[in-house]
């Protein structure tokens, strides 16, 4: 199983408050740009994405790029038929931001799969 782990500081083994499936081979990315590049370059895609929210990642214009920004990019690609929605988990310690990602994921999953 291939996993994409988005976090500006932590690694998957640092996340003790979630139980990940065993045998995940993680690719760790720290920024929006690295996240999108990893997804675009993955020849077999990712089975799982784990999201942090607060990435401390800013564009030159000052716009903050968050885990939610990354999820919205995934959502757009799924709705355009450019990728299949992988399983998504949220490990963010930002309760509001994390819940926002999780709720949007649940809504997208229901929209795409009808359940």
PDB file of N, CA and C in Angstrom:
ATOM      1  N   UNK A   1       0.852  -1.177   0.000  1.00  0.00           N
ATOM      2  CA  UNK A   1       0.000   0.000   0.000  1.00  0.00           C
ATOM      3  C   UNK A   1       0.892   1.233   0.000  1.00  0.00           C
ATOM      4  N   UNK A   2       0.607   2.156  -0.896  1.00  0.00           N
ATOM      5  CA  UNK A   2       1.370   3.401  -0.999  1.00  0.00           C
ATOM      6  C   UNK A   2       0.613   4.523  -0.305  1.00  0.00           C
ATOM      7  N   UNK A   3       1.316   5.248   0.563  1.00  0.00           N
ATOM      8  CA  UNK A   3       0.701   6.351   1.278  1.00  0.00           C
ATOM      9  C   UNK A   3       1.444   7.652   1.048  1.00  0.00           C
ATOM     10  N   UNK A   4       0.689   8.735   1.039  1.00  0.00           N
ATOM     11  CA  UNK A   4       1.257  10.083   0.938  1.00  0.00           C
ATOM     12  C   UNK A   4       0.965  10.789   2.249  1.00  0.00           C
ATOM     13  N   UNK A   5       2.012  11.229   2.928  1.00  0.00           N
ATOM     14  CA  UNK A   5       1.901  11.841   4.248  1.00  0.00           C
ATOM     15  C   UNK A   5       2.270  13.310   4.131  1.00  0.00           C
ATOM     16  N   UNK A   6       1.294  14.184   4.380  1.00  0.00           N
ATOM     17  CA  UNK A   6       1.489  15.634   4.269  1.00  0.00           C
ATOM     18  C   UNK A   6       1.603  16.251   5.652  1.00  0.00           C
ATOM     19  N   UNK A   7       2.768  16.781   5.968  1.00  0.00           N
ATOM     20  CA  UNK A   7       2.978  17.434   7.261  1.00  0.00           C
ATOM     21  C   UNK A   7       4.275  18.227   7.190  1.00  0.00           C
ATOM     22  N   UNK A   8       4.268  19.433   7.739  1.00  0.00           N
ATOM     23  CA  UNK A   8       5.470  20.261   7.675  1.00  0.00           C
ATOM     24  C   UNK A   8       6.514  19.876   8.716  1.00  0.00           C
ATOM     25  N   UNK A   9       6.157  19.093   9.730  1.00  0.00           N
ATOM     26  CA  UNK A   9       7.097  18.761  10.798  1.00  0.00           C
ATOM     27  C   UNK A   9       7.187  17.263  11.092  1.00  0.00           C
ATOM     28  N   UNK A  10       6.042  16.631  11.190  1.00  0.00           N
ATOM     29  CA  UNK A  10       5.988  15.247  11.662  1.00  0.00           C
ATOM     30  C   UNK A  10       6.231  14.241  10.540  1.00  0.00           C
ATOM     31  N   UNK A  11       6.557  13.030  10.970  1.00  0.00           N
ATOM     32  CA  UNK A  11       6.650  11.865  10.107  1.00  0.00           C
ATOM     33  C   UNK A  11       5.563  10.885  10.538  1.00  0.00           C
ATOM     34  N   UNK A  12       5.224   9.911   9.713  1.00  0.00           N
ATOM     35  CA  UNK A  12       4.129   9.001  10.066  1.00  0.00           C
ATOM     36  C   UNK A  12       4.292   8.337  11.435  1.00  0.00           C
ATOM     37  N   UNK A  13       5.503   7.967  11.797  1.00  0.00           N
ATOM     38  CA  UNK A  13       5.708   7.303  13.091  1.00  0.00           C
ATOM     39  C   UNK A  13       5.468   8.231  14.277  1.00  0.00           C
ATOM     40  N   UNK A  14       5.420   9.542  14.050  1.00  0.00           N
ATOM     41  CA  UNK A  14       5.131  10.502  15.118  1.00  0.00           C
ATOM     42  C   UNK A  14       3.643  10.580  15.433  1.00  0.00           C
ATOM     43  N   UNK A  15       2.805  10.087  14.554  1.00  0.00           N
ATOM     44  CA  UNK A  15       1.350  10.170  14.723  1.00  0.00           C
ATOM     45  C   UNK A  15       0.896   8.958  15.524  1.00  0.00           C
ATOM     46  N   UNK A  16       0.780   9.155  16.837  1.00  0.00           N
ATOM     47  CA  UNK A  16       0.398   8.060  17.734  1.00  0.00           C
ATOM     48  C   UNK A  16      -1.088   8.076  18.060  1.00  0.00           C
ATOM     49  N   UNK A  17      -1.809   9.097  17.640  1.00  0.00           N
ATOM     50  CA  UNK A  17      -3.230   9.229  17.945  1.00  0.00           C
ATOM     51  C   UNK A  17      -4.126   8.623  16.861  1.00  0.00           C
ATOM     52  N   UNK A  18      -3.519   8.118  15.780  1.00  0.00           N
ATOM     53  CA  UNK A  18      -4.240   7.389  14.733  1.00  0.00           C
ATOM     54  C   UNK A  18      -3.572   6.038  14.544  1.00  0.00           C
ATOM     55  N   UNK A  19      -4.339   5.075  14.087  1.00  0.00           N
ATOM     56  CA  UNK A  19      -3.775   3.778  13.727  1.00  0.00           C
ATOM     57  C   UNK A  19      -3.827   3.648  12.212  1.00  0.00           C
ATOM     58  N   UNK A  20      -2.665   3.643  11.605  1.00  0.00           N
ATOM     59  CA  UNK A  20      -2.577   3.476  10.160  1.00  0.00           C
ATOM     60  C   UNK A  20      -2.587   1.986   9.820  1.00  0.00           C
ATOM     61  N   UNK A  21      -3.031   1.642   8.611  1.00  0.00           N
ATOM     62  CA  UNK A  21      -2.934   0.242   8.186  1.00  0.00           C
ATOM     63  C   UNK A  21      -1.467  -0.199   8.209  1.00  0.00           C
ATOM     64  N   UNK A  22      -1.237  -1.477   8.424  1.00  0.00           N
ATOM     65  CA  UNK A  22       0.144  -1.964   8.434  1.00  0.00           C
ATOM     66  C   UNK A  22       0.664  -2.071   7.005  1.00  0.00           C
ATOM     67  N   UNK A  23       1.968  -1.929   6.890  1.00  0.00           N
ATOM     68  CA  UNK A  23       2.620  -2.109   5.602  1.00  0.00           C
ATOM     69  C   UNK A  23       2.541  -0.938   4.643  1.00  0.00           C
ATOM     70  N   UNK A  24       2.183   0.240   5.140  1.00  0.00           N
ATOM     71  CA  UNK A  24       2.121   1.408   4.256  1.00  0.00           C
ATOM     72  C   UNK A  24       3.544   1.869   3.938  1.00  0.00           C
ATOM     73  N   UNK A  25       3.827   2.045   2.664  1.00  0.00           N
ATOM     74  CA  UNK A  25       5.098   2.634   2.237  1.00  0.00           C
ATOM     75  C   UNK A  25       4.842   4.117   2.003  1.00  0.00           C
ATOM     76  N   UNK A  26       5.328   4.944   2.923  1.00  0.00           N
ATOM     77  CA  UNK A  26       5.005   6.367   2.928  1.00  0.00           C
ATOM     78  C   UNK A  26       5.950   7.173   2.051  1.00  0.00           C
ATOM     79  N   UNK A  27       5.375   8.141   1.358  1.00  0.00           N
ATOM     80  CA  UNK A  27       6.104   9.250   0.761  1.00  0.00           C
ATOM     81  C   UNK A  27       5.731  10.458   1.602  1.00  0.00           C
ATOM     82  N   UNK A  28       6.714  11.131   2.175  1.00  0.00           N
ATOM     83  CA  UNK A  28       6.468  12.276   3.054  1.00  0.00           C
ATOM     84  C   UNK A  28       6.711  13.558   2.272  1.00  0.00           C
ATOM     85  N   UNK A  29       5.732  14.458   2.325  1.00  0.00           N
ATOM     86  CA  UNK A  29       5.861  15.768   1.676  1.00  0.00           C
ATOM     87  C   UNK A  29       5.542  16.852   2.695  1.00  0.00           C
ATOM     88  N   UNK A  30       6.136  18.023   2.503  1.00  0.00           N
ATOM     89  CA  UNK A  30       6.034  19.104   3.491  1.00  0.00           C
ATOM     90  C   UNK A  30       5.277  20.327   2.993  1.00  0.00           C
ATOM     91  N   UNK A  31       5.081  20.460   1.685  1.00  0.00           N
ATOM     92  CA  UNK A  31       4.494  21.674   1.114  1.00  0.00           C
ATOM     93  C   UNK A  31       3.427  21.326   0.077  1.00  0.00           C
ATOM     94  N   UNK A  32       2.626  22.329  -0.276  1.00  0.00           N
ATOM     95  CA  UNK A  32       1.620  22.167  -1.326  1.00  0.00           C
ATOM     96  C   UNK A  32       2.280  21.739  -2.631  1.00  0.00           C
ATOM     97  N   UNK A  33       3.349  22.399  -2.983  1.00  0.00           N
ATOM     98  CA  UNK A  33       4.034  22.096  -4.250  1.00  0.00           C
ATOM     99  C   UNK A  33       4.548  20.657  -4.276  1.00  0.00           C
ATOM    100  N   UNK A  34       5.172  20.216  -3.188  1.00  0.00           N
ATOM    101  CA  UNK A  34       5.676  18.840  -3.123  1.00  0.00           C
ATOM    102  C   UNK A  34       4.523  17.839  -3.145  1.00  0.00           C
ATOM    103  N   UNK A  35       3.404  18.199  -2.518  1.00  0.00           N
ATOM    104  CA  UNK A  35       2.211  17.347  -2.496  1.00  0.00           C
ATOM    105  C   UNK A  35       1.674  17.139  -3.908  1.00  0.00           C
ATOM    106  N   UNK A  36       1.456  18.228  -4.623  1.00  0.00           N
ATOM    107  CA  UNK A  36       0.895  18.109  -5.971  1.00  0.00           C
ATOM    108  C   UNK A  36       1.879  17.407  -6.905  1.00  0.00           C
ATOM    109  N   UNK A  37       3.159  17.691  -6.754  1.00  0.00           N
ATOM    110  CA  UNK A  37       4.172  17.052  -7.592  1.00  0.00           C
ATOM    111  C   UNK A  37       4.196  15.544  -7.348  1.00  0.00           C
ATOM    112  N   UNK A  38       4.122  15.131  -6.087  1.00  0.00           N
ATOM    113  CA  UNK A  38       4.125  13.694  -5.767  1.00  0.00           C
ATOM    114  C   UNK A  38       2.929  12.999  -6.398  1.00  0.00           C
ATOM    115  N   UNK A  39       1.762  13.628  -6.339  1.00  0.00           N
ATOM    116  CA  UNK A  39       0.567  13.023  -6.927  1.00  0.00           C
ATOM    117  C   UNK A  39       0.652  12.975  -8.451  1.00  0.00           C
ATOM    118  N   UNK A  40       1.181  14.010  -9.045  1.00  0.00           N
ATOM    119  CA  UNK A  40       1.300  14.038 -10.504  1.00  0.00           C
ATOM    120  C   UNK A  40       2.326  13.031 -11.020  1.00  0.00           C
ATOM    121  N   UNK A  41       3.363  12.776 -10.232  1.00  0.00           N
ATOM    122  CA  UNK A  41       4.447  11.898 -10.671  1.00  0.00           C
ATOM    123  C   UNK A  41       4.270  10.443 -10.259  1.00  0.00           C
ATOM    124  N   UNK A  42       3.314  10.152  -9.391  1.00  0.00           N
ATOM    125  CA  UNK A  42       3.126   8.778  -8.900  1.00  0.00           C
ATOM    126  C   UNK A  42       2.568   7.904 -10.016  1.00  0.00           C
ATOM    127  N   UNK A  43       3.355   6.953 -10.462  1.00  0.00           N
ATOM    128  CA  UNK A  43       2.929   6.117 -11.585  1.00  0.00           C
ATOM    129  C   UNK A  43       1.774   5.198 -11.218  1.00  0.00           C
ATOM    130  N   UNK A  44       1.743   4.723  -9.981  1.00  0.00           N
ATOM    131  CA  UNK A  44       0.649   3.837  -9.568  1.00  0.00           C
ATOM    132  C   UNK A  44      -0.304   4.515  -8.592  1.00  0.00           C
ATOM    133  N   UNK A  45      -0.144   5.799  -8.391  1.00  0.00           N
ATOM    134  CA  UNK A  45      -1.031   6.531  -7.491  1.00  0.00           C
ATOM    135  C   UNK A  45      -0.762   6.213  -6.028  1.00  0.00           C
ATOM    136  N   UNK A  46      -1.620   6.738  -5.173  1.00  0.00           N
ATOM    137  CA  UNK A  46      -1.526   6.492  -3.740  1.00  0.00           C
ATOM    138  C   UNK A  46      -2.837   5.887  -3.269  1.00  0.00           C
ATOM    139  N   UNK A  47      -2.729   4.928  -2.372  1.00  0.00           N
ATOM    140  CA  UNK A  47      -3.907   4.282  -1.795  1.00  0.00           C
ATOM    141  C   UNK A  47      -4.454   5.072  -0.617  1.00  0.00           C
ATOM    142  N   UNK A  48      -3.587   5.866   0.006  1.00  0.00           N
ATOM    143  CA  UNK A  48      -3.925   6.561   1.245  1.00  0.00           C
ATOM    144  C   UNK A  48      -3.205   7.898   1.275  1.00  0.00           C
ATOM    145  N   UNK A  49      -3.918   8.934   1.729  1.00  0.00           N
ATOM    146  CA  UNK A  49      -3.294  10.233   1.995  1.00  0.00           C
ATOM    147  C   UNK A  49      -3.633  10.609   3.425  1.00  0.00           C
ATOM    148  N   UNK A  50      -2.625  11.026   4.186  1.00  0.00           N
ATOM    149  CA  UNK A  50      -2.838  11.507   5.544  1.00  0.00           C
ATOM    150  C   UNK A  50      -2.490  12.993   5.579  1.00  0.00           C
ATOM    151  N   UNK A  51      -3.451  13.802   6.045  1.00  0.00           N
ATOM    152  CA  UNK A  51      -3.345  15.259   5.977  1.00  0.00           C
ATOM    153  C   UNK A  51      -3.079  15.909   7.331  1.00  0.00           C
ATOM    154  N   UNK A  52      -2.120  16.818   7.345  1.00  0.00           N
ATOM    155  CA  UNK A  52      -1.996  17.837   8.380  1.00  0.00           C
ATOM    156  C   UNK A  52      -2.692  19.068   7.806  1.00  0.00           C
ATOM    157  N   UNK A  53      -3.084  20.007   8.656  1.00  0.00           N
ATOM    158  CA  UNK A  53      -3.718  21.225   8.144  1.00  0.00           C
ATOM    159  C   UNK A  53      -2.726  22.375   8.057  1.00  0.00           C
ATOM    160  N   UNK A  54      -2.083  22.698   9.158  1.00  0.00           N
ATOM    161  CA  UNK A  54      -1.212  23.875   9.228  1.00  0.00           C
ATOM    162  C   UNK A  54       0.187  23.514   8.736  1.00  0.00           C
ATOM    163  N   UNK A  55       0.518  23.965   7.540  1.00  0.00           N
ATOM    164  CA  UNK A  55       1.781  23.592   6.905  1.00  0.00           C
ATOM    165  C   UNK A  55       2.852  24.674   6.967  1.00  0.00           C
ATOM    166  N   UNK A  56       2.497  25.869   7.403  1.00  0.00           N
ATOM    167  CA  UNK A  56       3.445  26.989   7.391  1.00  0.00           C
ATOM    168  C   UNK A  56       4.068  27.142   6.003  1.00  0.00           C
ATOM    169  N   UNK A  57       3.209  27.083   4.994  1.00  0.00           N
ATOM    170  CA  UNK A  57       3.620  27.152   3.589  1.00  0.00           C
ATOM    171  C   UNK A  57       2.901  28.339   2.959  1.00  0.00           C
ATOM    172  N   UNK A  58       3.657  29.283   2.422  1.00  0.00           N
ATOM    173  CA  UNK A  58       3.071  30.497   1.866  1.00  0.00           C
ATOM    174  C   UNK A  58       3.589  30.735   0.455  1.00  0.00           C
ATOM    175  N   UNK A  59       2.680  31.154  -0.432  1.00  0.00           N
ATOM    176  CA  UNK A  59       3.077  31.577  -1.772  1.00  0.00           C
ATOM    177  C   UNK A  59       3.773  32.929  -1.671  1.00  0.00           C
ATOM    178  N   UNK A  60       4.429  33.345  -2.743  1.00  0.00           N
ATOM    179  CA  UNK A  60       5.107  34.647  -2.774  1.00  0.00           C
ATOM    180  C   UNK A  60       4.129  35.783  -2.499  1.00  0.00           C
ATOM    181  N   UNK A  61       2.863  35.600  -2.884  1.00  0.00           N
ATOM    182  CA  UNK A  61       1.840  36.626  -2.667  1.00  0.00           C
ATOM    183  C   UNK A  61       1.421  36.728  -1.206  1.00  0.00           C
ATOM    184  N   UNK A  62       1.837  35.746  -0.386  1.00  0.00           N
ATOM    185  CA  UNK A  62       1.444  35.725   1.015  1.00  0.00           C
ATOM    186  C   UNK A  62       0.292  34.777   1.305  1.00  0.00           C
ATOM    187  N   UNK A  63      -0.316  34.215   0.273  1.00  0.00           N
ATOM    188  CA  UNK A  63      -1.430  33.282   0.455  1.00  0.00           C
ATOM    189  C   UNK A  63      -0.933  32.014   1.144  1.00  0.00           C
ATOM    190  N   UNK A  64      -1.625  31.627   2.210  1.00  0.00           N
ATOM    191  CA  UNK A  64      -1.251  30.426   2.942  1.00  0.00           C
ATOM    192  C   UNK A  64      -1.775  29.179   2.236  1.00  0.00           C
ATOM    193  N   UNK A  65      -0.914  28.207   2.088  1.00  0.00           N
ATOM    194  CA  UNK A  65      -1.278  26.919   1.505  1.00  0.00           C
ATOM    195  C   UNK A  65      -1.384  25.920   2.654  1.00  0.00           C
ATOM    196  N   UNK A  66      -2.563  25.375   2.863  1.00  0.00           N
ATOM    197  CA  UNK A  66      -2.828  24.490   3.994  1.00  0.00           C
ATOM    198  C   UNK A  66      -3.128  23.073   3.507  1.00  0.00           C
ATOM    199  N   UNK A  67      -3.318  22.187   4.456  1.00  0.00           N
ATOM    200  CA  UNK A  67      -3.771  20.848   4.105  1.00  0.00           C
ATOM    201  C   UNK A  67      -5.116  20.887   3.411  1.00  0.00           C
ATOM    202  N   UNK A  68      -5.963  21.827   3.802  1.00  0.00           N
ATOM    203  CA  UNK A  68      -7.255  21.982   3.138  1.00  0.00           C
ATOM    204  C   UNK A  68      -7.060  22.405   1.678  1.00  0.00           C
ATOM    205  N   UNK A  69      -6.112  23.292   1.420  1.00  0.00           N
ATOM    206  CA  UNK A  69      -5.792  23.690   0.045  1.00  0.00           C
ATOM    207  C   UNK A  69      -5.377  22.461  -0.764  1.00  0.00           C
ATOM    208  N   UNK A  70      -4.576  21.607  -0.152  1.00  0.00           N
ATOM    209  CA  UNK A  70      -4.140  20.377  -0.822  1.00  0.00           C
ATOM    210  C   UNK A  70      -5.327  19.462  -1.088  1.00  0.00           C
ATOM    211  N   UNK A  71      -6.220  19.324  -0.102  1.00  0.00           N
ATOM    212  CA  UNK A  71      -7.387  18.471  -0.321  1.00  0.00           C
ATOM    213  C   UNK A  71      -8.256  19.014  -1.450  1.00  0.00           C
ATOM    214  N   UNK A  72      -8.455  20.331  -1.495  1.00  0.00           N
ATOM    215  CA  UNK A  72      -9.273  20.921  -2.563  1.00  0.00           C
ATOM    216  C   UNK A  72      -8.656  20.636  -3.936  1.00  0.00           C
ATOM    217  N   UNK A  73      -7.340  20.596  -4.027  1.00  0.00           N
ATOM    218  CA  UNK A  73      -6.671  20.250  -5.283  1.00  0.00           C
ATOM    219  C   UNK A  73      -7.016  18.813  -5.672  1.00  0.00           C
ATOM    220  N   UNK A  74      -6.962  17.896  -4.692  1.00  0.00           N
ATOM    221  CA  UNK A  74      -7.345  16.497  -4.937  1.00  0.00           C
ATOM    222  C   UNK A  74      -8.801  16.428  -5.372  1.00  0.00           C
ATOM    223  N   UNK A  75      -9.659  17.150  -4.670  1.00  0.00           N
ATOM    224  CA  UNK A  75     -11.091  17.151  -4.991  1.00  0.00           C
ATOM    225  C   UNK A  75     -11.332  17.595  -6.439  1.00  0.00           C
ATOM    226  N   UNK A  76     -10.697  18.673  -6.841  1.00  0.00           N
ATOM    227  CA  UNK A  76     -10.863  19.171  -8.213  1.00  0.00           C
ATOM    228  C   UNK A  76     -10.430  18.124  -9.233  1.00  0.00           C
ATOM    229  N   UNK A  77      -9.308  17.457  -8.993  1.00  0.00           N
ATOM    230  CA  UNK A  77      -8.826  16.433  -9.932  1.00  0.00           C
ATOM    231  C   UNK A  77      -9.770  15.239  -9.980  1.00  0.00           C
ATOM    232  N   UNK A  78     -10.324  14.869  -8.841  1.00  0.00           N
ATOM    233  CA  UNK A  78     -11.282  13.749  -8.818  1.00  0.00           C
ATOM    234  C   UNK A  78     -12.551  14.116  -9.577  1.00  0.00           C
ATOM    235  N   UNK A  79     -13.065  15.309  -9.351  1.00  0.00           N
ATOM    236  CA  UNK A  79     -14.294  15.737 -10.024  1.00  0.00           C
ATOM    237  C   UNK A  79     -14.089  15.893 -11.529  1.00  0.00           C
ATOM    238  N   UNK A  80     -12.858  16.207 -11.935  1.00  0.00           N
ATOM    239  CA  UNK A  80     -12.542  16.324 -13.364  1.00  0.00           C
ATOM    240  C   UNK A  80     -12.191  14.974 -13.992  1.00  0.00           C
ATOM    241  N   UNK A  81     -12.221  13.901 -13.199  1.00  0.00           N
ATOM    242  CA  UNK A  81     -11.913  12.569 -13.707  1.00  0.00           C
ATOM    243  C   UNK A  81     -10.442  12.313 -13.948  1.00  0.00           C
ATOM    244  N   UNK A  82      -9.577  13.105 -13.318  1.00  0.00           N
ATOM    245  CA  UNK A  82      -8.139  12.981 -13.539  1.00  0.00           C
ATOM    246  C   UNK A  82      -7.448  12.078 -12.526  1.00  0.00           C
ATOM    247  N   UNK A  83      -8.145  11.739 -11.451  1.00  0.00           N
ATOM    248  CA  UNK A  83      -7.598  10.804 -10.475  1.00  0.00           C
ATOM    249  C   UNK A  83      -8.730  10.140  -9.720  1.00  0.00           C
ATOM    250  N   UNK A  84      -8.421   8.998  -9.137  1.00  0.00           N
ATOM    251  CA  UNK A  84      -9.367   8.265  -8.302  1.00  0.00           C
ATOM    252  C   UNK A  84      -9.136   8.700  -6.860  1.00  0.00           C
ATOM    253  N   UNK A  85     -10.213   8.954  -6.137  1.00  0.00           N
ATOM    254  CA  UNK A  85     -10.094   9.399  -4.748  1.00  0.00           C
ATOM    255  C   UNK A  85      -9.524   8.279  -3.884  1.00  0.00           C
ATOM    256  N   UNK A  86      -8.350   8.509  -3.279  1.00  0.00           N
ATOM    257  CA  UNK A  86      -7.807   7.506  -2.364  1.00  0.00           C
ATOM    258  C   UNK A  86      -8.473   7.637  -0.994  1.00  0.00           C
ATOM    259  N   UNK A  87      -8.201   6.693  -0.122  1.00  0.00           N
ATOM    260  CA  UNK A  87      -8.639   6.828   1.266  1.00  0.00           C
ATOM    261  C   UNK A  87      -7.891   8.019   1.858  1.00  0.00           C
ATOM    262  N   UNK A  88      -8.597   8.854   2.614  1.00  0.00           N
ATOM    263  CA  UNK A  88      -7.971  10.022   3.229  1.00  0.00           C
ATOM    264  C   UNK A  88      -8.188   9.988   4.731  1.00  0.00           C
ATOM    265  N   UNK A  89      -7.127  10.260   5.466  1.00  0.00           N
ATOM    266  CA  UNK A  89      -7.179  10.389   6.913  1.00  0.00           C
ATOM    267  C   UNK A  89      -6.632  11.764   7.270  1.00  0.00           C
ATOM    268  N   UNK A  90      -7.031  12.251   8.427  1.00  0.00           N
ATOM    269  CA  UNK A  90      -6.567  13.560   8.889  1.00  0.00           C
ATOM    270  C   UNK A  90      -5.886  13.368  10.235  1.00  0.00           C
ATOM    271  N   UNK A  91      -4.611  13.711  10.300  1.00  0.00           N
ATOM    272  CA  UNK A  91      -3.864  13.594  11.552  1.00  0.00           C
ATOM    273  C   UNK A  91      -3.565  14.959  12.175  1.00  0.00           C
ATOM    274  N   UNK A  92      -4.113  16.016  11.619  1.00  0.00           N
ATOM    275  CA  UNK A  92      -3.850  17.377  12.083  1.00  0.00           C
ATOM    276  C   UNK A  92      -4.262  17.557  13.537  1.00  0.00           C
ATOM    277  N   UNK A  93      -3.485  18.323  14.273  1.00  0.00           N
ATOM    278  CA  UNK A  93      -3.841  18.703  15.642  1.00  0.00           C
ATOM    279  C   UNK A  93      -4.699  19.971  15.663  1.00  0.00           C
ATOM    280  N   UNK A  94      -4.915  20.585  14.495  1.00  0.00           N
ATOM    281  CA  UNK A  94      -5.814  21.732  14.382  1.00  0.00           C
ATOM    282  C   UNK A  94      -7.226  21.170  14.245  1.00  0.00           C
ATOM    283  N   UNK A  95      -7.996  21.234  15.329  1.00  0.00           N
ATOM    284  CA  UNK A  95      -9.320  20.626  15.347  1.00  0.00           C
ATOM    285  C   UNK A  95     -10.257  21.160  14.287  1.00  0.00           C
ATOM    286  N   UNK A  96     -10.315  22.467  14.122  1.00  0.00           N
ATOM    287  CA  UNK A  96     -11.224  23.075  13.150  1.00  0.00           C
ATOM    288  C   UNK A  96     -10.763  22.775  11.724  1.00  0.00           C
ATOM    289  N   UNK A  97      -9.487  23.009  11.447  1.00  0.00           N
ATOM    290  CA  UNK A  97      -8.962  22.755  10.104  1.00  0.00           C
ATOM    291  C   UNK A  97      -9.040  21.286   9.733  1.00  0.00           C
ATOM    292  N   UNK A  98      -8.716  20.418  10.676  1.00  0.00           N
ATOM    293  CA  UNK A  98      -8.783  18.987  10.422  1.00  0.00           C
ATOM    294  C   UNK A  98     -10.195  18.517  10.150  1.00  0.00           C
ATOM    295  N   UNK A  99     -11.138  19.033  10.929  1.00  0.00           N
ATOM    296  CA  UNK A  99     -12.538  18.651  10.725  1.00  0.00           C
ATOM    297  C   UNK A  99     -13.035  19.133   9.365  1.00  0.00           C
ATOM    298  N   UNK A 100     -12.585  20.289   8.940  1.00  0.00           N
ATOM    299  CA  UNK A 100     -12.963  20.824   7.634  1.00  0.00           C
ATOM    300  C   UNK A 100     -12.510  19.880   6.512  1.00  0.00           C
ATOM    301  N   UNK A 101     -11.271  19.403   6.592  1.00  0.00           N
ATOM    302  CA  UNK A 101     -10.772  18.457   5.589  1.00  0.00           C
ATOM    303  C   UNK A 101     -11.592  17.172   5.639  1.00  0.00           C
ATOM    304  N   UNK A 102     -11.807  16.639   6.835  1.00  0.00           N
ATOM    305  CA  UNK A 102     -12.528  15.367   6.985  1.00  0.00           C
ATOM    306  C   UNK A 102     -13.960  15.465   6.469  1.00  0.00           C
ATOM    307  N   UNK A 103     -14.645  16.566   6.754  1.00  0.00           N
ATOM    308  CA  UNK A 103     -16.028  16.740   6.286  1.00  0.00           C
ATOM    309  C   UNK A 103     -16.087  16.849   4.767  1.00  0.00           C
ATOM    310  N   UNK A 104     -15.157  17.589   4.183  1.00  0.00           N
ATOM    311  CA  UNK A 104     -15.134  17.708   2.725  1.00  0.00           C
ATOM    312  C   UNK A 104     -14.799  16.365   2.068  1.00  0.00           C
ATOM    313  N   UNK A 105     -13.921  15.592   2.684  1.00  0.00           N
ATOM    314  CA  UNK A 105     -13.609  14.260   2.163  1.00  0.00           C
ATOM    315  C   UNK A 105     -14.857  13.374   2.196  1.00  0.00           C
ATOM    316  N   UNK A 106     -15.564  13.361   3.323  1.00  0.00           N
ATOM    317  CA  UNK A 106     -16.782  12.548   3.435  1.00  0.00           C
ATOM    318  C   UNK A 106     -17.809  12.953   2.385  1.00  0.00           C
ATOM    319  N   UNK A 107     -17.988  14.252   2.192  1.00  0.00           N
ATOM    320  CA  UNK A 107     -18.943  14.737   1.185  1.00  0.00           C
ATOM    321  C   UNK A 107     -18.522  14.327  -0.225  1.00  0.00           C
ATOM    322  N   UNK A 108     -17.246  14.446  -0.533  1.00  0.00           N
ATOM    323  CA  UNK A 108     -16.760  14.074  -1.858  1.00  0.00           C
ATOM    324  C   UNK A 108     -16.925  12.572  -2.085  1.00  0.00           C
ATOM    325  N   UNK A 109     -16.590  11.783  -1.078  1.00  0.00           N
ATOM    326  CA  UNK A 109     -16.721  10.329  -1.197  1.00  0.00           C
ATOM    327  C   UNK A 109     -18.175   9.945  -1.472  1.00  0.00           C
ATOM    328  N   UNK A 110     -19.109  10.554  -0.741  1.00  0.00           N
ATOM    329  CA  UNK A 110     -20.538  10.281  -0.967  1.00  0.00           C
ATOM    330  C   UNK A 110     -20.958  10.715  -2.369  1.00  0.00           C
ATOM    331  N   UNK A 111     -20.482  11.862  -2.808  1.00  0.00           N
ATOM    332  CA  UNK A 111     -20.824  12.364  -4.143  1.00  0.00           C
ATOM    333  C   UNK A 111     -20.319  11.423  -5.241  1.00  0.00           C
ATOM    334  N   UNK A 112     -19.078  10.965  -5.096  1.00  0.00           N
ATOM    335  CA  UNK A 112     -18.474  10.126  -6.129  1.00  0.00           C
ATOM    336  C   UNK A 112     -18.992   8.693  -6.118  1.00  0.00           C
ATOM    337  N   UNK A 113     -19.314   8.197  -4.922  1.00  0.00           N
ATOM    338  CA  UNK A 113     -19.680   6.785  -4.791  1.00  0.00           C
ATOM    339  C   UNK A 113     -21.143   6.573  -4.438  1.00  0.00           C
ATOM    340  N   UNK A 114     -21.871   7.654  -4.225  1.00  0.00           N
ATOM    341  CA  UNK A 114     -23.301   7.546  -3.954  1.00  0.00           C
ATOM    342  C   UNK A 114     -23.652   6.917  -2.628  1.00  0.00           C
ATOM    343  N   UNK A 115     -22.726   6.901  -1.689  1.00  0.00           N
ATOM    344  CA  UNK A 115     -23.043   6.320  -0.378  1.00  0.00           C
ATOM    345  C   UNK A 115     -22.355   7.103   0.714  1.00  0.00           C
TER     346      UNK A 115
END
